[in-house]
Amino acid sequence: MVKSSFSLNKTKFHPMSYNPENALIIQSDRTILLEVHSPRAEEAREAVRLPPGTS
């Protein structure tokens, strides 16, 4: 049996992991939840913002 792990920023990634510092949560129905009280909320909002004129 071969075990593999995926690393992101030198931390172990688990598909159901939770990091309270992250502001975005991708839900099972593929909608995005933005935790507005997170210190990274504004950065996350800008990361997913669509350019003006697109929908």
PDB file of N, CA and C in Angstrom:
ATOM      1  N   MET A   1       0.842  -1.180   0.000  1.00  0.00           N
ATOM      2  CA  MET A   1       0.000   0.000   0.000  1.00  0.00           C
ATOM      3  C   MET A   1       0.887   1.244   0.000  1.00  0.00           C
ATOM      4  N   VAL A   2       0.556   2.213  -0.825  1.00  0.00           N
ATOM      5  CA  VAL A   2       1.330   3.443  -0.935  1.00  0.00           C
ATOM      6  C   VAL A   2       0.540   4.573  -0.300  1.00  0.00           C
ATOM      7  N   LYS A   3       1.172   5.256   0.620  1.00  0.00           N
ATOM      8  CA  LYS A   3       0.547   6.416   1.235  1.00  0.00           C
ATOM      9  C   LYS A   3       1.148   7.672   0.628  1.00  0.00           C
ATOM     10  N   SER A   4       0.314   8.634   0.386  1.00  0.00           N
ATOM     11  CA  SER A   4       0.823   9.906  -0.130  1.00  0.00           C
ATOM     12  C   SER A   4       0.197  11.032   0.670  1.00  0.00           C
ATOM     13  N   SER A   5       0.885  12.126   0.715  1.00  0.00           N
ATOM     14  CA  SER A   5       0.340  13.302   1.384  1.00  0.00           C
ATOM     15  C   SER A   5       0.578  14.507   0.499  1.00  0.00           C
ATOM     16  N   PHE A   6      -0.291  15.454   0.578  1.00  0.00           N
ATOM     17  CA  PHE A   6      -0.197  16.676  -0.195  1.00  0.00           C
ATOM     18  C   PHE A   6       0.140  17.786   0.776  1.00  0.00           C
ATOM     19  N   SER A   7       1.147  18.566   0.460  1.00  0.00           N
ATOM     20  CA  SER A   7       1.491  19.653   1.373  1.00  0.00           C
ATOM     21  C   SER A   7       1.183  20.991   0.730  1.00  0.00           C
ATOM     22  N   LEU A   8       0.703  21.882   1.532  1.00  0.00           N
ATOM     23  CA  LEU A   8       0.383  23.233   1.110  1.00  0.00           C
ATOM     24  C   LEU A   8       0.985  24.156   2.150  1.00  0.00           C
ATOM     25  N   ASN A   9       1.936  24.965   1.724  1.00  0.00           N
ATOM     26  CA  ASN A   9       2.652  25.850   2.644  1.00  0.00           C
ATOM     27  C   ASN A   9       3.300  25.079   3.789  1.00  0.00           C
ATOM     28  N   LYS A  10       3.837  23.924   3.466  1.00  0.00           N
ATOM     29  CA  LYS A  10       4.553  23.075   4.417  1.00  0.00           C
ATOM     30  C   LYS A  10       3.693  22.602   5.583  1.00  0.00           C
ATOM     31  N   THR A  11       2.391  22.560   5.388  1.00  0.00           N
ATOM     32  CA  THR A  11       1.503  21.984   6.390  1.00  0.00           C
ATOM     33  C   THR A  11       0.759  20.834   5.742  1.00  0.00           C
ATOM     34  N   LYS A  12       0.381  19.847   6.517  1.00  0.00           N
ATOM     35  CA  LYS A  12      -0.350  18.723   5.955  1.00  0.00           C
ATOM     36  C   LYS A  12      -1.750  19.162   5.562  1.00  0.00           C
ATOM     37  N   PHE A  13      -2.179  18.678   4.413  1.00  0.00           N
ATOM     38  CA  PHE A  13      -3.498  19.001   3.904  1.00  0.00           C
ATOM     39  C   PHE A  13      -4.412  17.823   4.126  1.00  0.00           C
ATOM     40  N   HIS A  14      -5.565  18.086   4.648  1.00  0.00           N
ATOM     41  CA  HIS A  14      -6.593  17.073   4.817  1.00  0.00           C
ATOM     42  C   HIS A  14      -7.855  17.655   4.205  1.00  0.00           C
ATOM     43  N   PRO A  15      -8.575  16.902   3.382  1.00  0.00           N
ATOM     44  CA  PRO A  15      -9.719  17.472   2.679  1.00  0.00           C
ATOM     45  C   PRO A  15     -10.804  18.032   3.595  1.00  0.00           C
ATOM     46  N   MET A  16     -10.841  17.635   4.847  1.00  0.00           N
ATOM     47  CA  MET A  16     -11.851  18.137   5.769  1.00  0.00           C
ATOM     48  C   MET A  16     -11.214  18.973   6.874  1.00  0.00           C
ATOM     49  N   SER A  17     -10.061  19.548   6.610  1.00  0.00           N
ATOM     50  CA  SER A  17      -9.366  20.305   7.649  1.00  0.00           C
ATOM     51  C   SER A  17      -9.999  21.680   7.853  1.00  0.00           C
ATOM     52  N   TYR A  18      -9.746  22.234   9.004  1.00  0.00           N
ATOM     53  CA  TYR A  18     -10.277  23.549   9.360  1.00  0.00           C
ATOM     54  C   TYR A  18      -9.157  24.381   9.952  1.00  0.00           C
ATOM     55  N   ASN A  19      -8.965  25.556   9.413  1.00  0.00           N
ATOM     56  CA  ASN A  19      -7.999  26.500   9.943  1.00  0.00           C
ATOM     57  C   ASN A  19      -8.767  27.773  10.253  1.00  0.00           C
ATOM     58  N   PRO A  20      -8.940  28.126  11.522  1.00  0.00           N
ATOM     59  CA  PRO A  20      -9.765  29.290  11.872  1.00  0.00           C
ATOM     60  C   PRO A  20      -9.242  30.612  11.333  1.00  0.00           C
ATOM     61  N   GLU A  21      -7.987  30.668  10.894  1.00  0.00           N
ATOM     62  CA  GLU A  21      -7.452  31.901  10.313  1.00  0.00           C
ATOM     63  C   GLU A  21      -7.892  32.101   8.871  1.00  0.00           C
ATOM     64  N   ASN A  22      -8.326  31.038   8.209  1.00  0.00           N
ATOM     65  CA  ASN A  22      -8.783  31.160   6.826  1.00  0.00           C
ATOM     66  C   ASN A  22     -10.202  31.690   6.802  1.00  0.00           C
ATOM     67  N   ALA A  23     -10.476  32.552   5.841  1.00  0.00           N
ATOM     68  CA  ALA A  23     -11.766  33.234   5.801  1.00  0.00           C
ATOM     69  C   ALA A  23     -12.778  32.579   4.871  1.00  0.00           C
ATOM     70  N   LEU A  24     -12.336  31.731   3.949  1.00  0.00           N
ATOM     71  CA  LEU A  24     -13.250  31.113   2.999  1.00  0.00           C
ATOM     72  C   LEU A  24     -13.503  29.659   3.345  1.00  0.00           C
ATOM     73  N   ILE A  25     -14.771  29.273   3.223  1.00  0.00           N
ATOM     74  CA  ILE A  25     -15.159  27.884   3.407  1.00  0.00           C
ATOM     75  C   ILE A  25     -15.911  27.463   2.156  1.00  0.00           C
ATOM     76  N   ILE A  26     -15.425  26.425   1.480  1.00  0.00           N
ATOM     77  CA  ILE A  26     -16.120  25.879   0.321  1.00  0.00           C
ATOM     78  C   ILE A  26     -17.055  24.800   0.846  1.00  0.00           C
ATOM     79  N   GLN A  27     -18.337  24.974   0.633  1.00  0.00           N
ATOM     80  CA  GLN A  27     -19.335  24.061   1.165  1.00  0.00           C
ATOM     81  C   GLN A  27     -19.589  22.906   0.190  1.00  0.00           C
ATOM     82  N   SER A  28     -20.255  21.873   0.660  1.00  0.00           N
ATOM     83  CA  SER A  28     -20.472  20.677  -0.152  1.00  0.00           C
ATOM     84  C   SER A  28     -21.294  20.956  -1.410  1.00  0.00           C
ATOM     85  N   ASP A  29     -22.122  21.988  -1.400  1.00  0.00           N
ATOM     86  CA  ASP A  29     -22.888  22.333  -2.599  1.00  0.00           C
ATOM     87  C   ASP A  29     -22.114  23.290  -3.509  1.00  0.00           C
ATOM     88  N   ARG A  30     -20.825  23.475  -3.190  1.00  0.00           N
ATOM     89  CA  ARG A  30     -19.874  24.295  -3.950  1.00  0.00           C
ATOM     90  C   ARG A  30     -20.135  25.797  -3.855  1.00  0.00           C
ATOM     91  N   THR A  31     -20.898  26.211  -2.876  1.00  0.00           N
ATOM     92  CA  THR A  31     -21.022  27.643  -2.610  1.00  0.00           C
ATOM     93  C   THR A  31     -19.884  28.041  -1.682  1.00  0.00           C
ATOM     94  N   ILE A  32     -19.594  29.324  -1.650  1.00  0.00           N
ATOM     95  CA  ILE A  32     -18.487  29.839  -0.850  1.00  0.00           C
ATOM     96  C   ILE A  32     -19.046  30.640   0.317  1.00  0.00           C
ATOM     97  N   LEU A  33     -18.560  30.329   1.494  1.00  0.00           N
ATOM     98  CA  LEU A  33     -18.942  31.067   2.699  1.00  0.00           C
ATOM     99  C   LEU A  33     -17.746  31.923   3.109  1.00  0.00           C
ATOM    100  N   LEU A  34     -17.958  33.202   3.296  1.00  0.00           N
ATOM    101  CA  LEU A  34     -16.900  34.116   3.734  1.00  0.00           C
ATOM    102  C   LEU A  34     -17.115  34.437   5.200  1.00  0.00           C
ATOM    103  N   GLU A  35     -16.152  34.091   6.021  1.00  0.00           N
ATOM    104  CA  GLU A  35     -16.204  34.401   7.457  1.00  0.00           C
ATOM    105  C   GLU A  35     -15.715  35.830   7.621  1.00  0.00           C
ATOM    106  N   VAL A  36     -16.647  36.754   7.797  1.00  0.00           N
ATOM    107  CA  VAL A  36     -16.309  38.179   7.799  1.00  0.00           C
ATOM    108  C   VAL A  36     -15.543  38.624   9.037  1.00  0.00           C
ATOM    109  N   HIS A  37     -15.531  37.835  10.079  1.00  0.00           N
ATOM    110  CA  HIS A  37     -14.803  38.192  11.296  1.00  0.00           C
ATOM    111  C   HIS A  37     -13.363  37.681  11.283  1.00  0.00           C
ATOM    112  N   SER A  38     -12.974  36.991  10.230  1.00  0.00           N
ATOM    113  CA  SER A  38     -11.609  36.496  10.102  1.00  0.00           C
ATOM    114  C   SER A  38     -10.652  37.647   9.808  1.00  0.00           C
ATOM    115  N   PRO A  39      -9.430  37.578  10.341  1.00  0.00           N
ATOM    116  CA  PRO A  39      -8.458  38.636  10.024  1.00  0.00           C
ATOM    117  C   PRO A  39      -8.096  38.678   8.531  1.00  0.00           C
ATOM    118  N   ARG A  40      -8.370  37.600   7.803  1.00  0.00           N
ATOM    119  CA  ARG A  40      -8.041  37.533   6.375  1.00  0.00           C
ATOM    120  C   ARG A  40      -9.269  37.726   5.489  1.00  0.00           C
ATOM    121  N   ALA A  41     -10.363  38.226   6.036  1.00  0.00           N
ATOM    122  CA  ALA A  41     -11.616  38.346   5.282  1.00  0.00           C
ATOM    123  C   ALA A  41     -11.480  39.258   4.063  1.00  0.00           C
ATOM    124  N   GLU A  42     -10.861  40.407   4.228  1.00  0.00           N
ATOM    125  CA  GLU A  42     -10.745  41.341   3.102  1.00  0.00           C
ATOM    126  C   GLU A  42      -9.875  40.751   1.987  1.00  0.00           C
ATOM    127  N   GLU A  43      -8.796  40.092   2.361  1.00  0.00           N
ATOM    128  CA  GLU A  43      -7.930  39.424   1.379  1.00  0.00           C
ATOM    129  C   GLU A  43      -8.711  38.346   0.625  1.00  0.00           C
ATOM    130  N   ALA A  44      -9.510  37.571   1.330  1.00  0.00           N
ATOM    131  CA  ALA A  44     -10.308  36.516   0.715  1.00  0.00           C
ATOM    132  C   ALA A  44     -11.374  37.101  -0.198  1.00  0.00           C
ATOM    133  N   ARG A  45     -12.013  38.171   0.236  1.00  0.00           N
ATOM    134  CA  ARG A  45     -13.046  38.821  -0.579  1.00  0.00           C
ATOM    135  C   ARG A  45     -12.453  39.278  -1.915  1.00  0.00           C
ATOM    136  N   GLU A  46     -11.277  39.867  -1.876  1.00  0.00           N
ATOM    137  CA  GLU A  46     -10.616  40.318  -3.109  1.00  0.00           C
ATOM    138  C   GLU A  46     -10.219  39.144  -3.994  1.00  0.00           C
ATOM    139  N   ALA A  47      -9.856  38.030  -3.402  1.00  0.00           N
ATOM    140  CA  ALA A  47      -9.425  36.853  -4.172  1.00  0.00           C
ATOM    141  C   ALA A  47     -10.562  36.254  -4.998  1.00  0.00           C
ATOM    142  N   VAL A  48     -11.793  36.367  -4.529  1.00  0.00           N
ATOM    143  CA  VAL A  48     -12.917  35.764  -5.244  1.00  0.00           C
ATOM    144  C   VAL A  48     -13.792  36.793  -5.969  1.00  0.00           C
ATOM    145  N   ARG A  49     -13.452  38.055  -5.866  1.00  0.00           N
ATOM    146  CA  ARG A  49     -14.250  39.117  -6.495  1.00  0.00           C
ATOM    147  C   ARG A  49     -14.141  39.028  -8.006  1.00  0.00           C
ATOM    148  N   LEU A  50     -15.277  39.135  -8.681  1.00  0.00           N
ATOM    149  CA  LEU A  50     -15.309  39.178 -10.142  1.00  0.00           C
ATOM    150  C   LEU A  50     -14.990  40.579 -10.635  1.00  0.00           C
ATOM    151  N   PRO A  51     -14.341  40.695 -11.765  1.00  0.00           N
ATOM    152  CA  PRO A  51     -14.068  42.024 -12.318  1.00  0.00           C
ATOM    153  C   PRO A  51     -15.374  42.730 -12.665  1.00  0.00           C
ATOM    154  N   PRO A  52     -15.394  44.069 -12.629  1.00  0.00           N
ATOM    155  CA  PRO A  52     -16.607  44.818 -12.970  1.00  0.00           C
ATOM    156  C   PRO A  52     -17.090  44.459 -14.385  1.00  0.00           C
ATOM    157  N   GLY A  53     -18.398  44.342 -14.533  1.00  0.00           N
ATOM    158  CA  GLY A  53     -18.980  44.038 -15.831  1.00  0.00           C
ATOM    159  C   GLY A  53     -19.154  42.566 -16.119  1.00  0.00           C
ATOM    160  N   THR A  54     -18.743  41.701 -15.214  1.00  0.00           N
ATOM    161  CA  THR A  54     -18.931  40.257 -15.402  1.00  0.00           C
ATOM    162  C   THR A  54     -19.980  39.755 -14.415  1.00  0.00           C
ATOM    163  N   SER A  55     -20.588  38.664 -14.758  1.00  0.00           N
ATOM    164  CA  SER A  55     -21.574  38.109 -13.846  1.00  0.00           C
ATOM    165  C   SER A  55     -21.460  36.602 -13.754  1.00  0.00           C
TER     166      SER A  55
END
